[in-house]
PDB file of N, CA and C in Angstrom:
ATOM      1  N   MET A   1      30.326 116.139  97.584  1.00  0.00           N
ATOM      2  CA  MET A   1      29.984 117.515  97.507  1.00  0.00           C
ATOM      3  C   MET A   1      30.147 117.993  96.078  1.00  0.00           C
ATOM      4  N   THR A   2      29.126 118.642  95.607  1.00  0.00           N
ATOM      5  CA  THR A   2      29.130 119.057  94.221  1.00  0.00           C
ATOM      6  C   THR A   2      29.150 120.568  94.118  1.00  0.00           C
ATOM      7  N   GLU A   3      29.572 121.033  92.963  1.00  0.00           N
ATOM      8  CA  GLU A   3      29.581 122.472  92.726  1.00  0.00           C
ATOM      9  C   GLU A   3      28.393 122.905  91.883  1.00  0.00           C
ATOM     10  N   HIS A   4      27.582 121.954  91.410  1.00  0.00           N
ATOM     11  CA  HIS A   4      26.418 122.299  90.594  1.00  0.00           C
ATOM     12  C   HIS A   4      25.177 122.340  91.472  1.00  0.00           C
ATOM     13  N   GLU A   5      24.153 122.982  90.952  1.00  0.00           N
ATOM     14  CA  GLU A   5      22.901 123.036  91.682  1.00  0.00           C
ATOM     15  C   GLU A   5      22.190 121.693  91.514  1.00  0.00           C
ATOM     16  N   SER A   6      21.698 121.145  92.593  1.00  0.00           N
ATOM     17  CA  SER A   6      21.026 119.860  92.546  1.00  0.00           C
ATOM     18  C   SER A   6      19.537 120.051  92.305  1.00  0.00           C
ATOM     19  N   ASP A   7      18.839 118.955  92.139  1.00  0.00           N
ATOM     20  CA  ASP A   7      17.404 118.990  91.942  1.00  0.00           C
ATOM     21  C   ASP A   7      16.737 119.393  93.255  1.00  0.00           C
ATOM     22  N   THR A   8      16.180 120.587  93.278  1.00  0.00           N
ATOM     23  CA  THR A   8      15.573 121.087  94.511  1.00  0.00           C
ATOM     24  C   THR A   8      14.083 120.793  94.568  1.00  0.00           C
ATOM     25  N   GLN A   9      13.512 120.216  93.519  1.00  0.00           N
ATOM     26  CA  GLN A   9      12.081 119.939  93.478  1.00  0.00           C
ATOM     27  C   GLN A   9      11.673 118.830  94.446  1.00  0.00           C
ATOM     28  N   GLU A  10      12.600 117.969  94.806  1.00  0.00           N
ATOM     29  CA  GLU A  10      12.278 116.815  95.633  1.00  0.00           C
ATOM     30  C   GLU A  10      12.138 117.147  97.117  1.00  0.00           C
ATOM     31  N   VAL A  11      12.434 118.349  97.523  1.00  0.00           N
ATOM     32  CA  VAL A  11      12.391 118.730  98.932  1.00  0.00           C
ATOM     33  C   VAL A  11      11.016 119.298  99.274  1.00  0.00           C
ATOM     34  N   THR A  12      10.405 118.734 100.311  1.00  0.00           N
ATOM     35  CA  THR A  12       9.090 119.201 100.731  1.00  0.00           C
ATOM     36  C   THR A  12       9.222 120.261 101.827  1.00  0.00           C
ATOM     37  N   GLU A  13       8.149 120.980 102.061  1.00  0.00           N
ATOM     38  CA  GLU A  13       8.119 121.966 103.149  1.00  0.00           C
ATOM     39  C   GLU A  13       8.379 121.276 104.485  1.00  0.00           C
ATOM     40  N   ARG A  14       7.843 120.093 104.650  1.00  0.00           N
ATOM     41  CA  ARG A  14       8.030 119.342 105.902  1.00  0.00           C
ATOM     42  C   ARG A  14       9.505 119.021 106.131  1.00  0.00           C
ATOM     43  N   GLN A  15      10.209 118.641 105.068  1.00  0.00           N
ATOM     44  CA  GLN A  15      11.637 118.364 105.199  1.00  0.00           C
ATOM     45  C   GLN A  15      12.396 119.623 105.600  1.00  0.00           C
ATOM     46  N   ILE A  16      12.050 120.748 105.014  1.00  0.00           N
ATOM     47  CA  ILE A  16      12.725 122.008 105.341  1.00  0.00           C
ATOM     48  C   ILE A  16      12.469 122.354 106.802  1.00  0.00           C
ATOM     49  N   GLU A  17      11.228 122.222 107.244  1.00  0.00           N
ATOM     50  CA  GLU A  17      10.882 122.522 108.638  1.00  0.00           C
ATOM     51  C   GLU A  17      11.599 121.587 109.606  1.00  0.00           C
ATOM     52  N   ARG A  18      11.719 120.319 109.240  1.00  0.00           N
ATOM     53  CA  ARG A  18      12.340 119.326 110.104  1.00  0.00           C
ATOM     54  C   ARG A  18      13.855 119.498 110.186  1.00  0.00           C
ATOM     55  N   ALA A  19      14.453 119.984 109.110  1.00  0.00           N
ATOM     56  CA  ALA A  19      15.908 120.102 109.037  1.00  0.00           C
ATOM     57  C   ALA A  19      16.390 121.261 109.905  1.00  0.00           C
ATOM     58  N   GLY A  20      17.304 120.969 110.805  1.00  0.00           N
ATOM     59  CA  GLY A  20      17.843 121.988 111.701  1.00  0.00           C
ATOM     60  C   GLY A  20      18.949 122.794 111.041  1.00  0.00           C
ATOM     61  N   VAL A  21      18.898 124.097 111.233  1.00  0.00           N
ATOM     62  CA  VAL A  21      19.942 124.975 110.705  1.00  0.00           C
ATOM     63  C   VAL A  21      21.206 124.774 111.544  1.00  0.00           C
ATOM     64  N   PHE A  22      22.329 124.561 110.881  1.00  0.00           N
ATOM     65  CA  PHE A  22      23.600 124.410 111.598  1.00  0.00           C
ATOM     66  C   PHE A  22      24.617 125.462 111.202  1.00  0.00           C
ATOM     67  N   GLY A  23      24.221 126.392 110.330  1.00  0.00           N
ATOM     68  CA  GLY A  23      25.139 127.463 109.971  1.00  0.00           C
ATOM     69  C   GLY A  23      24.628 128.327 108.838  1.00  0.00           C
ATOM     70  N   TYR A  24      25.258 129.497 108.704  1.00  0.00           N
ATOM     71  CA  TYR A  24      24.974 130.428 107.612  1.00  0.00           C
ATOM     72  C   TYR A  24      26.290 130.760 106.936  1.00  0.00           C
ATOM     73  N   ASP A  25      26.292 130.650 105.604  1.00  0.00           N
ATOM     74  CA  ASP A  25      27.526 130.978 104.889  1.00  0.00           C
ATOM     75  C   ASP A  25      27.596 132.480 104.611  1.00  0.00           C
ATOM     76  N   LYS A  26      28.724 132.924 104.107  1.00  0.00           N
ATOM     77  CA  LYS A  26      28.949 134.359 103.902  1.00  0.00           C
ATOM     78  C   LYS A  26      28.151 134.944 102.749  1.00  0.00           C
ATOM     79  N   LYS A  27      27.385 134.117 102.049  1.00  0.00           N
ATOM     80  CA  LYS A  27      26.464 134.616 101.024  1.00  0.00           C
ATOM     81  C   LYS A  27      25.049 134.726 101.589  1.00  0.00           C
ATOM     82  N   GLY A  28      24.908 134.440 102.896  1.00  0.00           N
ATOM     83  CA  GLY A  28      23.624 134.580 103.564  1.00  0.00           C
ATOM     84  C   GLY A  28      22.714 133.372 103.462  1.00  0.00           C
ATOM     85  N   ARG A  29      23.235 132.246 103.009  1.00  0.00           N
ATOM     86  CA  ARG A  29      22.427 131.032 102.853  1.00  0.00           C
ATOM     87  C   ARG A  29      22.423 130.216 104.143  1.00  0.00           C
ATOM     88  N   ALA A  30      21.248 129.692 104.488  1.00  0.00           N
ATOM     89  CA  ALA A  30      21.116 128.812 105.654  1.00  0.00           C
ATOM     90  C   ALA A  30      21.439 127.390 105.230  1.00  0.00           C
ATOM     91  N   HIS A  31      22.248 126.704 106.022  1.00  0.00           N
ATOM     92  CA  HIS A  31      22.587 125.302 105.777  1.00  0.00           C
ATOM     93  C   HIS A  31      21.878 124.481 106.836  1.00  0.00           C
ATOM     94  N   ARG A  32      21.064 123.541 106.375  1.00  0.00           N
ATOM     95  CA  ARG A  32      20.238 122.723 107.249  1.00  0.00           C
ATOM     96  C   ARG A  32      20.597 121.258 107.062  1.00  0.00           C
ATOM     97  N   PHE A  33      20.345 120.453 108.096  1.00  0.00           N
ATOM     98  CA  PHE A  33      20.553 119.012 107.971  1.00  0.00           C
ATOM     99  C   PHE A  33      19.285 118.289 108.371  1.00  0.00           C
ATOM    100  N   ASP A  34      18.773 117.480 107.448  1.00  0.00           N
ATOM    101  CA  ASP A  34      17.620 116.618 107.701  1.00  0.00           C
ATOM    102  C   ASP A  34      18.167 115.243 108.061  1.00  0.00           C
ATOM    103  N   SER A  35      18.146 114.914 109.339  1.00  0.00           N
ATOM    104  CA  SER A  35      18.734 113.650 109.797  1.00  0.00           C
ATOM    105  C   SER A  35      17.913 112.436 109.365  1.00  0.00           C
ATOM    106  N   VAL A  36      16.632 112.604 109.109  1.00  0.00           N
ATOM    107  CA  VAL A  36      15.795 111.495 108.677  1.00  0.00           C
ATOM    108  C   VAL A  36      16.200 111.038 107.279  1.00  0.00           C
ATOM    109  N   ARG A  37      16.477 111.986 106.407  1.00  0.00           N
ATOM    110  CA  ARG A  37      16.842 111.668 105.022  1.00  0.00           C
ATOM    111  C   ARG A  37      18.338 111.806 104.738  1.00  0.00           C
ATOM    112  N   SER A  38      19.132 112.122 105.774  1.00  0.00           N
ATOM    113  CA  SER A  38      20.578 112.335 105.609  1.00  0.00           C
ATOM    114  C   SER A  38      20.847 113.279 104.442  1.00  0.00           C
ATOM    115  N   THR A  39      20.286 114.475 104.579  1.00  0.00           N
ATOM    116  CA  THR A  39      20.330 115.437 103.487  1.00  0.00           C
ATOM    117  C   THR A  39      20.681 116.824 104.003  1.00  0.00           C
ATOM    118  N   ILE A  40      21.596 117.475 103.293  1.00  0.00           N
ATOM    119  CA  ILE A  40      21.874 118.890 103.521  1.00  0.00           C
ATOM    120  C   ILE A  40      20.922 119.664 102.621  1.00  0.00           C
ATOM    121  N   ILE A  41      20.276 120.667 103.173  1.00  0.00           N
ATOM    122  CA  ILE A  41      19.376 121.526 102.406  1.00  0.00           C
ATOM    123  C   ILE A  41      19.859 122.957 102.611  1.00  0.00           C
ATOM    124  N   VAL A  42      20.165 123.630 101.518  1.00  0.00           N
ATOM    125  CA  VAL A  42      20.624 125.011 101.578  1.00  0.00           C
ATOM    126  C   VAL A  42      19.477 125.894 101.103  1.00  0.00           C
ATOM    127  N   THR A  43      19.163 126.932 101.914  1.00  0.00           N
ATOM    128  CA  THR A  43      18.041 127.805 101.577  1.00  0.00           C
ATOM    129  C   THR A  43      18.434 129.272 101.666  1.00  0.00           C
ATOM    130  N   VAL A  44      17.692 130.088 100.907  1.00  0.00           N
ATOM    131  CA  VAL A  44      17.762 131.543 101.000  1.00  0.00           C
ATOM    132  C   VAL A  44      16.320 132.019 101.103  1.00  0.00           C
ATOM    133  N   ASP A  45      16.003 132.725 102.151  1.00  0.00           N
ATOM    134  CA  ASP A  45      14.631 133.192 102.388  1.00  0.00           C
ATOM    135  C   ASP A  45      13.611 132.065 102.267  1.00  0.00           C
ATOM    136  N   GLY A  46      13.969 130.882 102.747  1.00  0.00           N
ATOM    137  CA  GLY A  46      13.058 129.750 102.717  1.00  0.00           C
ATOM    138  C   GLY A  46      13.010 129.009 101.392  1.00  0.00           C
ATOM    139  N   GLU A  47      13.655 129.523 100.359  1.00  0.00           N
ATOM    140  CA  GLU A  47      13.694 128.872  99.052  1.00  0.00           C
ATOM    141  C   GLU A  47      14.905 127.952  98.973  1.00  0.00           C
ATOM    142  N   VAL A  48      14.699 126.730  98.544  1.00  0.00           N
ATOM    143  CA  VAL A  48      15.779 125.753  98.436  1.00  0.00           C
ATOM    144  C   VAL A  48      16.657 126.100  97.233  1.00  0.00           C
ATOM    145  N   THR A  49      17.977 126.201  97.485  1.00  0.00           N
ATOM    146  CA  THR A  49      18.921 126.481  96.405  1.00  0.00           C
ATOM    147  C   THR A  49      19.846 125.307  96.122  1.00  0.00           C
ATOM    148  N   HIS A  50      19.956 124.394  97.063  1.00  0.00           N
ATOM    149  CA  HIS A  50      20.831 123.232  96.865  1.00  0.00           C
ATOM    150  C   HIS A  50      20.436 122.118  97.823  1.00  0.00           C
ATOM    151  N   VAL A  51      20.561 120.890  97.331  1.00  0.00           N
ATOM    152  CA  VAL A  51      20.286 119.701  98.134  1.00  0.00           C
ATOM    153  C   VAL A  51      21.441 118.736  97.918  1.00  0.00           C
ATOM    154  N   GLU A  52      21.899 118.147  99.004  1.00  0.00           N
ATOM    155  CA  GLU A  52      23.029 117.214  98.924  1.00  0.00           C
ATOM    156  C   GLU A  52      22.768 116.042  99.857  1.00  0.00           C
ATOM    157  N   GLN A  53      22.737 114.826  99.314  1.00  0.00           N
ATOM    158  CA  GLN A  53      22.634 113.621 100.143  1.00  0.00           C
ATOM    159  C   GLN A  53      23.979 113.440 100.840  1.00  0.00           C
ATOM    160  N   LEU A  54      23.961 113.375 102.162  1.00  0.00           N
ATOM    161  CA  LEU A  54      25.215 113.299 102.903  1.00  0.00           C
ATOM    162  C   LEU A  54      24.977 112.661 104.259  1.00  0.00           C
ATOM    163  N   ALA A  55      25.724 111.630 104.564  1.00  0.00           N
ATOM    164  CA  ALA A  55      25.619 110.970 105.862  1.00  0.00           C
ATOM    165  C   ALA A  55      26.046 111.932 106.964  1.00  0.00           C
ATOM    166  N   ARG A  56      25.448 111.769 108.127  1.00  0.00           N
ATOM    167  CA  ARG A  56      25.706 112.656 109.266  1.00  0.00           C
ATOM    168  C   ARG A  56      27.197 112.828 109.548  1.00  0.00           C
ATOM    169  N   HIS A  57      27.956 111.749 109.498  1.00  0.00           N
ATOM    170  CA  HIS A  57      29.382 111.854 109.825  1.00  0.00           C
ATOM    171  C   HIS A  57      30.176 112.590 108.737  1.00  0.00           C
ATOM    172  N   ARG A  58      29.553 112.871 107.588  1.00  0.00           N
ATOM    173  CA  ARG A  58      30.220 113.606 106.508  1.00  0.00           C
ATOM    174  C   ARG A  58      29.890 115.105 106.509  1.00  0.00           C
ATOM    175  N   VAL A  59      29.038 115.546 107.417  1.00  0.00           N
ATOM    176  CA  VAL A  59      28.678 116.964 107.465  1.00  0.00           C
ATOM    177  C   VAL A  59      29.920 117.821 107.717  1.00  0.00           C
ATOM    178  N   VAL A  60      30.862 117.323 108.480  1.00  0.00           N
ATOM    179  CA  VAL A  60      32.105 118.064 108.724  1.00  0.00           C
ATOM    180  C   VAL A  60      32.834 118.325 107.403  1.00  0.00           C
ATOM    181  N   ASN A  61      32.769 117.365 106.463  1.00  0.00           N
ATOM    182  CA  ASN A  61      33.359 117.579 105.141  1.00  0.00           C
ATOM    183  C   ASN A  61      32.632 118.701 104.402  1.00  0.00           C
ATOM    184  N   TRP A  62      31.314 118.755 104.547  1.00  0.00           N
ATOM    185  CA  TRP A  62      30.519 119.826 103.935  1.00  0.00           C
ATOM    186  C   TRP A  62      30.931 121.176 104.522  1.00  0.00           C
ATOM    187  N   ILE A  63      31.104 121.208 105.822  1.00  0.00           N
ATOM    188  CA  ILE A  63      31.515 122.445 106.488  1.00  0.00           C
ATOM    189  C   ILE A  63      32.850 122.922 105.932  1.00  0.00           C
ATOM    190  N   ASP A  64      33.784 122.017 105.741  1.00  0.00           N
ATOM    191  CA  ASP A  64      35.084 122.367 105.159  1.00  0.00           C
ATOM    192  C   ASP A  64      34.929 122.839 103.715  1.00  0.00           C
ATOM    193  N   PHE A  65      34.081 122.163 102.944  1.00  0.00           N
ATOM    194  CA  PHE A  65      33.824 122.521 101.550  1.00  0.00           C
ATOM    195  C   PHE A  65      33.298 123.951 101.455  1.00  0.00           C
ATOM    196  N   VAL A  66      32.296 124.278 102.270  1.00  0.00           N
ATOM    197  CA  VAL A  66      31.718 125.625 102.255  1.00  0.00           C
ATOM    198  C   VAL A  66      32.743 126.660 102.715  1.00  0.00           C
ATOM    199  N   ALA A  67      33.533 126.315 103.713  1.00  0.00           N
ATOM    200  CA  ALA A  67      34.578 127.225 104.196  1.00  0.00           C
ATOM    201  C   ALA A  67      35.535 127.585 103.067  1.00  0.00           C
ATOM    202  N   THR A  68      35.852 126.616 102.221  1.00  0.00           N
ATOM    203  CA  THR A  68      36.757 126.840 101.100  1.00  0.00           C
ATOM    204  C   THR A  68      36.089 127.650  99.989  1.00  0.00           C
ATOM    205  N   LYS A  69      34.827 127.352  99.697  1.00  0.00           N
ATOM    206  CA  LYS A  69      34.128 127.987  98.581  1.00  0.00           C
ATOM    207  C   LYS A  69      33.737 129.435  98.865  1.00  0.00           C
ATOM    208  N   CYS A  70      33.184 129.702 100.045  1.00  0.00           N
ATOM    209  CA  CYS A  70      32.717 131.071 100.303  1.00  0.00           C
ATOM    210  C   CYS A  70      32.877 131.502 101.754  1.00  0.00           C
ATOM    211  N   GLY A  71      33.096 130.578 102.655  1.00  0.00           N
ATOM    212  CA  GLY A  71      33.264 130.925 104.069  1.00  0.00           C
ATOM    213  C   GLY A  71      31.951 130.896 104.830  1.00  0.00           C
ATOM    214  N   TRP A  72      32.080 130.962 106.129  1.00  0.00           N
ATOM    215  CA  TRP A  72      30.933 130.916 107.033  1.00  0.00           C
ATOM    216  C   TRP A  72      30.790 132.241 107.777  1.00  0.00           C
ATOM    217  N   ILE A  73      29.550 132.683 107.969  1.00  0.00           N
ATOM    218  CA  ILE A  73      29.278 133.709 108.969  1.00  0.00           C
ATOM    219  C   ILE A  73      29.499 133.038 110.319  1.00  0.00           C
ATOM    220  N   ASP A  74      28.884 131.862 110.457  1.00  0.00           N
ATOM    221  CA  ASP A  74      29.078 131.020 111.646  1.00  0.00           C
ATOM    222  C   ASP A  74      28.429 129.671 111.374  1.00  0.00           C
ATOM    223  N   GLN A  75      28.938 128.657 112.024  1.00  0.00           N
ATOM    224  CA  GLN A  75      28.339 127.323 112.010  1.00  0.00           C
ATOM    225  C   GLN A  75      28.593 126.717 113.384  1.00  0.00           C
ATOM    226  N   TRP A  76      27.658 125.918 113.839  1.00  0.00           N
ATOM    227  CA  TRP A  76      27.741 125.388 115.206  1.00  0.00           C
ATOM    228  C   TRP A  76      27.452 123.888 115.227  1.00  0.00           C
ATOM    229  N   TRP A  77      27.833 123.200 114.198  1.00  0.00           N
ATOM    230  CA  TRP A  77      27.575 121.760 114.090  1.00  0.00           C
ATOM    231  C   TRP A  77      28.135 120.980 115.273  1.00  0.00           C
ATOM    232  N   THR A  78      29.351 121.283 115.673  1.00  0.00           N
ATOM    233  CA  THR A  78      29.999 120.511 116.734  1.00  0.00           C
ATOM    234  C   THR A  78      29.874 121.156 118.115  1.00  0.00           C
ATOM    235  N   ASN A  79      29.164 122.259 118.218  1.00  0.00           N
ATOM    236  CA  ASN A  79      28.999 122.949 119.495  1.00  0.00           C
ATOM    237  C   ASN A  79      28.069 122.139 120.402  1.00  0.00           C
ATOM    238  N   THR A  80      28.470 121.913 121.624  1.00  0.00           N
ATOM    239  CA  THR A  80      27.661 121.125 122.557  1.00  0.00           C
ATOM    240  C   THR A  80      26.864 121.987 123.541  1.00  0.00           C
ATOM    241  N   ASP A  81      27.093 123.272 123.540  1.00  0.00           N
ATOM    242  CA  ASP A  81      26.386 124.192 124.441  1.00  0.00           C
ATOM    243  C   ASP A  81      25.156 124.734 123.711  1.00  0.00           C
ATOM    244  N   SER A  82      23.968 124.256 124.078  1.00  0.00           N
ATOM    245  CA  SER A  82      22.749 124.636 123.352  1.00  0.00           C
ATOM    246  C   SER A  82      22.423 126.120 123.470  1.00  0.00           C
ATOM    247  N   LEU A  83      22.664 126.747 124.611  1.00  0.00           N
ATOM    248  CA  LEU A  83      22.411 128.180 124.746  1.00  0.00           C
ATOM    249  C   LEU A  83      23.350 128.971 123.840  1.00  0.00           C
ATOM    250  N   ASP A  84      24.613 128.597 123.828  1.00  0.00           N
ATOM    251  CA  ASP A  84      25.581 129.258 122.956  1.00  0.00           C
ATOM    252  C   ASP A  84      25.200 129.052 121.490  1.00  0.00           C
ATOM    253  N   SER A  85      24.777 127.849 121.136  1.00  0.00           N
ATOM    254  CA  SER A  85      24.359 127.572 119.752  1.00  0.00           C
ATOM    255  C   SER A  85      23.177 128.444 119.358  1.00  0.00           C
ATOM    256  N   MET A  86      22.217 128.588 120.263  1.00  0.00           N
ATOM    257  CA  MET A  86      21.045 129.410 119.981  1.00  0.00           C
ATOM    258  C   MET A  86      21.438 130.869 119.768  1.00  0.00           C
ATOM    259  N   GLN A  87      22.308 131.388 120.614  1.00  0.00           N
ATOM    260  CA  GLN A  87      22.752 132.771 120.474  1.00  0.00           C
ATOM    261  C   GLN A  87      23.533 132.976 119.175  1.00  0.00           C
ATOM    262  N   ARG A  88      24.400 132.026 118.861  1.00  0.00           N
ATOM    263  CA  ARG A  88      25.165 132.108 117.618  1.00  0.00           C
ATOM    264  C   ARG A  88      24.239 132.026 116.412  1.00  0.00           C
ATOM    265  N   HIS A  89      23.226 131.176 116.499  1.00  0.00           N
ATOM    266  CA  HIS A  89      22.252 131.035 115.421  1.00  0.00           C
ATOM    267  C   HIS A  89      21.536 132.366 115.183  1.00  0.00           C
ATOM    268  N   GLN A  90      21.071 132.992 116.243  1.00  0.00           N
ATOM    269  CA  GLN A  90      20.358 134.266 116.112  1.00  0.00           C
ATOM    270  C   GLN A  90      21.242 135.356 115.514  1.00  0.00           C
ATOM    271  N   ALA A  91      22.476 135.434 115.971  1.00  0.00           N
ATOM    272  CA  ALA A  91      23.404 136.444 115.441  1.00  0.00           C
ATOM    273  C   ALA A  91      23.730 136.176 113.973  1.00  0.00           C
ATOM    274  N   ALA A  92      23.966 134.921 113.629  1.00  0.00           N
ATOM    275  CA  ALA A  92      24.286 134.577 112.241  1.00  0.00           C
ATOM    276  C   ALA A  92      23.086 134.791 111.335  1.00  0.00           C
ATOM    277  N   ARG A  93      21.890 134.467 111.811  1.00  0.00           N
ATOM    278  CA  ARG A  93      20.678 134.693 111.013  1.00  0.00           C
ATOM    279  C   ARG A  93      20.490 136.180 110.729  1.00  0.00           C
ATOM    280  N   ALA A  94      20.749 137.017 111.714  1.00  0.00           N
ATOM    281  CA  ALA A  94      20.631 138.462 111.520  1.00  0.00           C
ATOM    282  C   ALA A  94      21.657 138.961 110.502  1.00  0.00           C
ATOM    283  N   ARG A  95      22.885 138.473 110.597  1.00  0.00           N
ATOM    284  CA  ARG A  95      23.923 138.872 109.634  1.00  0.00           C
ATOM    285  C   ARG A  95      23.580 138.376 108.236  1.00  0.00           C
ATOM    286  N   ALA A  96      23.042 137.163 108.122  1.00  0.00           N
ATOM    287  CA  ALA A  96      22.633 136.618 106.823  1.00  0.00           C
ATOM    288  C   ALA A  96      21.539 137.480 106.199  1.00  0.00           C
ATOM    289  N   ALA A  97      20.599 137.939 107.020  1.00  0.00           N
ATOM    290  CA  ALA A  97      19.539 138.819 106.518  1.00  0.00           C
ATOM    291  C   ALA A  97      20.137 140.131 106.016  1.00  0.00           C
ATOM    292  N   ASP A  98      21.119 140.670 106.722  1.00  0.00           N
ATOM    293  CA  ASP A  98      21.806 141.885 106.271  1.00  0.00           C
ATOM    294  C   ASP A  98      22.485 141.662 104.918  1.00  0.00           C
ATOM    295  N   ILE A  99      23.138 140.524 104.768  1.00  0.00           N
ATOM    296  CA  ILE A  99      23.822 140.213 103.513  1.00  0.00           C
ATOM    297  C   ILE A  99      22.816 140.106 102.368  1.00  0.00           C
ATOM    298  N   GLN A 100      21.707 139.434 102.608  1.00  0.00           N
ATOM    299  CA  GLN A 100      20.681 139.291 101.577  1.00  0.00           C
ATOM    300  C   GLN A 100      20.106 140.660 101.199  1.00  0.00           C
ATOM    301  N   TYR A 101      19.897 141.534 102.183  1.00  0.00           N
ATOM    302  CA  TYR A 101      19.395 142.879 101.920  1.00  0.00           C
ATOM    303  C   TYR A 101      20.393 143.672 101.073  1.00  0.00           C
ATOM    304  N   GLU A 102      21.672 143.592 101.446  1.00  0.00           N
ATOM    305  CA  GLU A 102      22.708 144.306 100.702  1.00  0.00           C
ATOM    306  C   GLU A 102      22.797 143.803  99.266  1.00  0.00           C
ATOM    307  N   GLN A 103      22.679 142.485  99.062  1.00  0.00           N
ATOM    308  CA  GLN A 103      22.720 141.928  97.714  1.00  0.00           C
ATOM    309  C   GLN A 103      21.521 142.394  96.884  1.00  0.00           C
ATOM    310  N   ALA A 104      20.338 142.411  97.499  1.00  0.00           N
ATOM    311  CA  ALA A 104      19.154 142.867  96.806  1.00  0.00           C
ATOM    312  C   ALA A 104      19.245 144.341  96.435  1.00  0.00           C
ATOM    313  N   ALA A 105      19.789 145.146  97.345  1.00  0.00           N
ATOM    314  CA  ALA A 105      19.953 146.571  97.066  1.00  0.00           C
ATOM    315  C   ALA A 105      20.947 146.793  95.929  1.00  0.00           C
ATOM    316  N   THR A 106      22.021 146.040  95.907  1.00  0.00           N
ATOM    317  CA  THR A 106      23.023 146.143  94.836  1.00  0.00           C
ATOM    318  C   THR A 106      22.421 145.740  93.498  1.00  0.00           C
ATOM    319  N   GLU A 107      21.636 144.650  93.480  1.00  0.00           N
ATOM    320  CA  GLU A 107      21.001 144.200  92.246  1.00  0.00           C
ATOM    321  C   GLU A 107      19.969 145.218  91.757  1.00  0.00           C
ATOM    322  N   ALA A 108      19.239 145.830  92.671  1.00  0.00           N
ATOM    323  CA  ALA A 108      18.236 146.827  92.297  1.00  0.00           C
ATOM    324  C   ALA A 108      18.886 148.087  91.724  1.00  0.00           C
ATOM    325  N   ALA A 109      20.080 148.408  92.215  1.00  0.00           N
ATOM    326  CA  ALA A 109      20.791 149.612  91.737  1.00  0.00           C
ATOM    327  C   ALA A 109      21.380 149.401  90.350  1.00  0.00           C
ATOM    328  N   ASP A 110      21.617 148.137  89.966  1.00  0.00           N
ATOM    329  CA  ASP A 110      22.239 147.861  88.662  1.00  0.00           C
ATOM    330  C   ASP A 110      21.289 147.959  87.524  1.00  0.00           C
TER     331      ASP A 110
END
């Protein structure tokens, strides 16, 4: 896990679409996992902000890393209840959108 921004040019739209969202951090970023390429893809409004090569069994380490760096709105990587995961995903996505709106409004006011 790195603290620098990785090369985001290598990620295709297909990879983003294929990668399932498993959580939203407190900065409003979606964290996705592409199991075909063993890659974490972090996006904001569909734009890739970070890419990390990471084996599936190491995603829990990523979750801990993000929890330490900025925290989670919610993440459901280990949740086995698909209905609960879907509901949590929808609620977290809505909160992430609120955070992004608040950040944009603050930047516009400055």
